[in-house]
């Protein structure tokens, strides 16, 4: 399903926190700590800070309205280009 998992912290922001020592054969990861600091694990940015249909609205007929998700995607894309070029 298109745009099912929607990030409430953008993947583009999380990309700045990818461990620079990630082996080349692995997908980039960030370190995730529990609130109490007792546990730590590595997770790919695509797998954290997301919820199914977080920005999706349901129409009266039950269909998914991705208008807000699409608008946020455009903002995120513009931010990525700006950061890359500056």
Protein backbone atom coordinates (compact mmCIF):
# COMPACT_ATOMS: atom_id res chain seq x y z
CA UNK A 1 0.00 0.00 0.00
CA UNK A 2 1.41 3.39 -1.01
CA UNK A 3 2.70 5.63 1.82
CA UNK A 4 1.48 3.28 4.54
CA UNK A 5 4.25 3.97 7.10
CA UNK A 6 4.51 7.71 7.63
CA UNK A 7 7.33 9.24 9.62
CA UNK A 8 6.68 11.84 12.28
CA UNK A 9 10.41 12.55 12.32
CA UNK A 10 11.49 12.69 8.70
CA UNK A 11 13.91 10.16 7.29
CA UNK A 12 15.88 13.05 5.78
CA UNK A 13 16.50 14.42 9.27
CA UNK A 14 17.40 10.98 10.62
CA UNK A 15 19.89 10.51 7.77
CA UNK A 16 22.10 13.10 9.44
CA UNK A 17 22.44 10.77 12.45
CA UNK A 18 23.49 7.62 10.57
CA UNK A 19 26.56 6.08 12.16
CA UNK A 20 29.52 6.99 9.91
CA UNK A 21 31.17 3.67 10.84
CA UNK A 22 28.37 1.60 9.27
CA UNK A 23 30.00 -1.18 7.22
CA UNK A 24 29.56 -0.64 3.48
CA UNK A 25 27.67 -3.92 3.07
CA UNK A 26 25.02 -2.83 5.62
CA UNK A 27 22.18 -0.35 5.40
CA UNK A 28 22.92 2.82 7.36
CA UNK A 29 21.68 2.80 10.94
CA UNK A 30 21.24 5.06 13.94
CA UNK A 31 21.66 4.09 17.57
CA UNK A 32 18.39 3.90 19.52
CA UNK A 33 18.40 4.00 23.32
CA UNK A 34 15.60 3.23 25.75
CA UNK A 35 14.49 6.09 28.02
CA UNK A 36 16.31 4.60 31.00
CA UNK A 37 19.46 3.99 28.92
CA UNK A 38 19.61 0.31 29.82
CA UNK A 39 19.21 -0.97 26.28
CA UNK A 40 20.63 0.17 22.96
CA UNK A 41 20.18 -1.16 19.43
CA UNK A 42 20.87 -0.20 15.85
CA UNK A 43 17.94 0.58 13.56
CA UNK A 44 17.62 1.80 10.00
CA UNK A 45 15.97 5.25 9.78
CA UNK A 46 13.16 3.79 7.67
CA UNK A 47 12.16 1.63 10.67
CA UNK A 48 11.87 4.23 13.42
CA UNK A 49 9.62 7.18 14.27
CA UNK A 50 6.85 6.05 11.95
CA UNK A 51 3.23 5.03 12.31
CA UNK A 52 0.86 3.46 9.81
CA UNK A 53 -1.31 6.16 8.24
CA UNK A 54 -0.18 8.82 10.72
CA UNK A 55 -1.08 11.67 8.32
CA UNK A 56 -3.78 9.82 6.36
CA UNK A 57 -7.36 10.97 6.49
CA UNK A 58 -10.25 8.72 5.58
CA UNK A 59 -12.87 9.89 3.14
CA UNK A 60 -16.55 9.13 3.69
CA UNK A 61 -16.27 6.19 1.30
CA UNK A 62 -13.36 4.75 3.34
CA UNK A 63 -10.65 5.59 0.81
CA UNK A 64 -7.32 6.97 1.99
CA UNK A 65 -6.68 10.69 1.49
CA UNK A 66 -2.91 11.24 1.29
CA UNK A 67 -3.08 15.00 0.69
CA UNK A 68 -1.25 15.94 3.88
CA UNK A 69 1.37 13.22 3.42
CA UNK A 70 2.00 14.42 -0.16
CA UNK A 71 2.37 18.06 0.97
CA UNK A 72 4.83 17.09 3.72
CA UNK A 73 6.77 14.99 1.23
CA UNK A 74 7.19 18.03 -1.04
CA UNK A 75 8.51 20.09 1.89
CA UNK A 76 10.91 17.32 2.88
CA UNK A 77 12.17 16.97 -0.70
CA UNK A 78 12.77 20.73 -0.92
CA UNK A 79 14.65 20.62 2.38
CA UNK A 80 16.84 17.75 1.16
CA UNK A 81 17.77 19.66 -2.00
CA UNK A 82 18.47 22.84 -0.05
CA UNK A 83 20.69 21.05 2.49
CA UNK A 84 22.55 19.17 -0.25
CA UNK A 85 23.26 22.37 -2.20
CA UNK A 86 24.32 24.51 0.75
